Amino acid sequence: MTNLTCDDIRQTLSSGATLLDVRTTNEYGNGSLPNAKNIPLAILPVLADEHFAKDDELLVYCQSGGRAIMAEKILAGMGFTNVVNIGGFQHYQHCH
């Protein structure tokens, strides 16, 4: 897991990265990071190729970090080469 500051995230997103929220749609609906794309972990293997190129920079997070670890492994196994696990939503929910 990579611990980033809010400024780090904003800078990475401004350079074209995508913020990927792998929590459930209910969790996402109760609050997410600005401009995050929600693809729940359970359907990530089915939808990742439809939404992202293999070399897209993806910043992955979930609620506490566990699902983000799994998502990082799933994406790497699918051939995605630029995935960064930033951990849990609670670490970044103050970022706007």
C-alpha atoms as a PDB file:
ATOM      1  CA  MET A   1       0.000   0.000   0.000  1.00  0.00           C
ATOM      2  CA  THR A   2       1.174   3.500  -0.811  1.00  0.00           C
ATOM      3  CA  ASN A   3       0.322   6.301   1.591  1.00  0.00           C
ATOM      4  CA  LEU A   4      -0.361   9.437  -0.402  1.00  0.00           C
ATOM      5  CA  THR A   5      -1.301  12.904   0.756  1.00  0.00           C
ATOM      6  CA  CYS A   6      -4.357  14.696  -0.617  1.00  0.00           C
ATOM      7  CA  ASP A   7      -1.990  16.816  -2.701  1.00  0.00           C
ATOM      8  CA  ASP A   8      -0.310  13.669  -4.071  1.00  0.00           C
ATOM      9  CA  ILE A   9      -3.688  12.319  -5.132  1.00  0.00           C
ATOM     10  CA  ARG A  10      -4.765  15.593  -6.747  1.00  0.00           C
ATOM     11  CA  GLN A  11      -1.458  15.831  -8.632  1.00  0.00           C
ATOM     12  CA  THR A  12      -1.664  12.221  -9.837  1.00  0.00           C
ATOM     13  CA  LEU A  13      -5.273  12.659 -10.936  1.00  0.00           C
ATOM     14  CA  SER A  14      -4.430  15.883 -12.784  1.00  0.00           C
ATOM     15  CA  SER A  15      -1.816  13.937 -14.748  1.00  0.00           C
ATOM     16  CA  GLY A  16      -4.495  11.546 -15.982  1.00  0.00           C
ATOM     17  CA  ALA A  17      -4.791   8.828 -13.344  1.00  0.00           C
ATOM     18  CA  THR A  18      -8.139   7.305 -12.395  1.00  0.00           C
ATOM     19  CA  LEU A  19      -9.351   6.917  -8.826  1.00  0.00           C
ATOM     20  CA  LEU A  20     -10.949   3.459  -8.544  1.00  0.00           C
ATOM     21  CA  ASP A  21     -13.289   2.706  -5.635  1.00  0.00           C
ATOM     22  CA  VAL A  22     -13.772  -1.075  -5.261  1.00  0.00           C
ATOM     23  CA  ARG A  23     -16.329  -0.878  -2.442  1.00  0.00           C
ATOM     24  CA  THR A  24     -19.965  -1.911  -2.889  1.00  0.00           C
ATOM     25  CA  THR A  25     -22.355   0.465  -4.621  1.00  0.00           C
ATOM     26  CA  ASN A  26     -24.049   1.106  -1.249  1.00  0.00           C
ATOM     27  CA  GLU A  27     -20.740   2.085   0.363  1.00  0.00           C
ATOM     28  CA  TYR A  28     -19.906   4.272  -2.624  1.00  0.00           C
ATOM     29  CA  GLY A  29     -23.320   5.911  -2.423  1.00  0.00           C
ATOM     30  CA  ASN A  30     -22.701   6.833   1.208  1.00  0.00           C
ATOM     31  CA  GLY A  31     -19.617   8.838   0.267  1.00  0.00           C
ATOM     32  CA  SER A  32     -16.611   8.567  -1.988  1.00  0.00           C
ATOM     33  CA  LEU A  33     -13.531  10.470  -3.005  1.00  0.00           C
ATOM     34  CA  PRO A  34     -14.167  13.195  -5.605  1.00  0.00           C
ATOM     35  CA  ASN A  35     -14.381  11.872  -9.182  1.00  0.00           C
ATOM     36  CA  ALA A  36     -13.820   8.254  -8.143  1.00  0.00           C
ATOM     37  CA  LYS A  37     -15.082   5.534 -10.473  1.00  0.00           C
ATOM     38  CA  ASN A  38     -16.907   2.746  -8.632  1.00  0.00           C
ATOM     39  CA  ILE A  39     -16.422  -0.843  -9.742  1.00  0.00           C
ATOM     40  CA  PRO A  40     -17.133  -3.211  -6.831  1.00  0.00           C
ATOM     41  CA  LEU A  41     -14.441  -5.824  -6.220  1.00  0.00           C
ATOM     42  CA  ALA A  42     -16.855  -8.690  -6.961  1.00  0.00           C
ATOM     43  CA  ILE A  43     -17.327  -7.554 -10.568  1.00  0.00           C
ATOM     44  CA  LEU A  44     -13.920  -5.973 -11.154  1.00  0.00           C
ATOM     45  CA  PRO A  45     -12.540  -8.959 -13.122  1.00  0.00           C
ATOM     46  CA  VAL A  46     -15.503  -8.708 -15.509  1.00  0.00           C
ATOM     47  CA  LEU A  47     -15.498  -4.934 -16.021  1.00  0.00           C
ATOM     48  CA  ALA A  48     -11.856  -3.821 -15.744  1.00  0.00           C
ATOM     49  CA  ASP A  49     -11.001  -4.472 -19.393  1.00  0.00           C
ATOM     50  CA  GLU A  50     -14.109  -2.568 -20.547  1.00  0.00           C
ATOM     51  CA  HIS A  51     -13.220   0.556 -18.562  1.00  0.00           C
ATOM     52  CA  PHE A  52      -9.428   0.755 -18.542  1.00  0.00           C
ATOM     53  CA  ALA A  53      -6.414   0.230 -20.773  1.00  0.00           C
ATOM     54  CA  LYS A  54      -3.705  -2.064 -19.404  1.00  0.00           C
ATOM     55  CA  ASP A  55      -1.313   0.863 -18.905  1.00  0.00           C
ATOM     56  CA  ASP A  56      -3.810   3.315 -17.347  1.00  0.00           C
ATOM     57  CA  GLU A  57      -2.671   4.665 -14.001  1.00  0.00           C
ATOM     58  CA  LEU A  58      -5.175   3.477 -11.399  1.00  0.00           C
ATOM     59  CA  LEU A  59      -5.305   4.557  -7.755  1.00  0.00           C
ATOM     60  CA  VAL A  60      -7.314   1.849  -5.992  1.00  0.00           C
ATOM     61  CA  TYR A  61      -9.054   2.193  -2.630  1.00  0.00           C
ATOM     62  CA  CYS A  62     -11.767   0.541  -0.558  1.00  0.00           C
ATOM     63  CA  GLN A  63     -13.117   1.090   2.960  1.00  0.00           C
ATOM     64  CA  SER A  64     -10.165  -0.030   5.069  1.00  0.00           C
ATOM     65  CA  GLY A  65      -7.596  -1.379   2.608  1.00  0.00           C
ATOM     66  CA  GLY A  66      -8.264  -5.131   2.389  1.00  0.00           C
ATOM     67  CA  ARG A  67     -10.292  -5.148  -0.815  1.00  0.00           C
ATOM     68  CA  ALA A  68      -7.866  -2.694  -2.409  1.00  0.00           C
ATOM     69  CA  ILE A  69      -5.085  -5.259  -1.853  1.00  0.00           C
ATOM     70  CA  MET A  70      -7.202  -7.919  -3.556  1.00  0.00           C
ATOM     71  CA  ALA A  71      -8.101  -5.530  -6.394  1.00  0.00           C
ATOM     72  CA  GLU A  72      -4.431  -4.711  -6.923  1.00  0.00           C
ATOM     73  CA  LYS A  73      -3.643  -8.441  -7.224  1.00  0.00           C
ATOM     74  CA  ILE A  74      -6.594  -9.086  -9.542  1.00  0.00           C
ATOM     75  CA  LEU A  75      -5.641  -6.204 -11.843  1.00  0.00           C
ATOM     76  CA  ALA A  76      -1.964  -7.213 -11.893  1.00  0.00           C
ATOM     77  CA  GLY A  77      -3.012 -10.761 -12.756  1.00  0.00           C
ATOM     78  CA  MET A  78      -5.070  -9.382 -15.640  1.00  0.00           C
ATOM     79  CA  GLY A  79      -2.006  -7.576 -17.012  1.00  0.00           C
ATOM     80  CA  PHE A  80      -2.589  -4.060 -15.682  1.00  0.00           C
ATOM     81  CA  THR A  81       0.810  -2.487 -15.167  1.00  0.00           C
ATOM     82  CA  ASN A  82       0.223   0.815 -13.385  1.00  0.00           C
ATOM     83  CA  VAL A  83      -1.936   0.077 -10.319  1.00  0.00           C
ATOM     84  CA  VAL A  84      -1.328   1.807  -6.992  1.00  0.00           C
ATOM     85  CA  ASN A  85      -3.164   0.655  -3.854  1.00  0.00           C
ATOM     86  CA  ILE A  86      -3.754   3.780  -1.761  1.00  0.00           C
ATOM     87  CA  GLY A  87      -5.623   1.912   0.989  1.00  0.00           C
ATOM     88  CA  GLY A  88      -8.806   2.870   2.749  1.00  0.00           C
ATOM     89  CA  PHE A  89     -11.398   5.576   2.251  1.00  0.00           C
ATOM     90  CA  GLN A  90     -11.138   6.716   5.868  1.00  0.00           C
ATOM     91  CA  HIS A  91      -7.547   7.862   5.275  1.00  0.00           C
ATOM     92  CA  TYR A  92      -8.633  10.179   2.474  1.00  0.00           C
ATOM     93  CA  GLN A  93     -12.258  11.159   3.134  1.00  0.00           C
ATOM     94  CA  HIS A  94     -11.110  14.629   4.189  1.00  0.00           C
ATOM     95  CA  CYS A  95      -9.625  15.235   0.718  1.00  0.00           C
ATOM     96  CA  HIS A  96     -11.736  17.518  -1.482  1.00  0.00           C
END
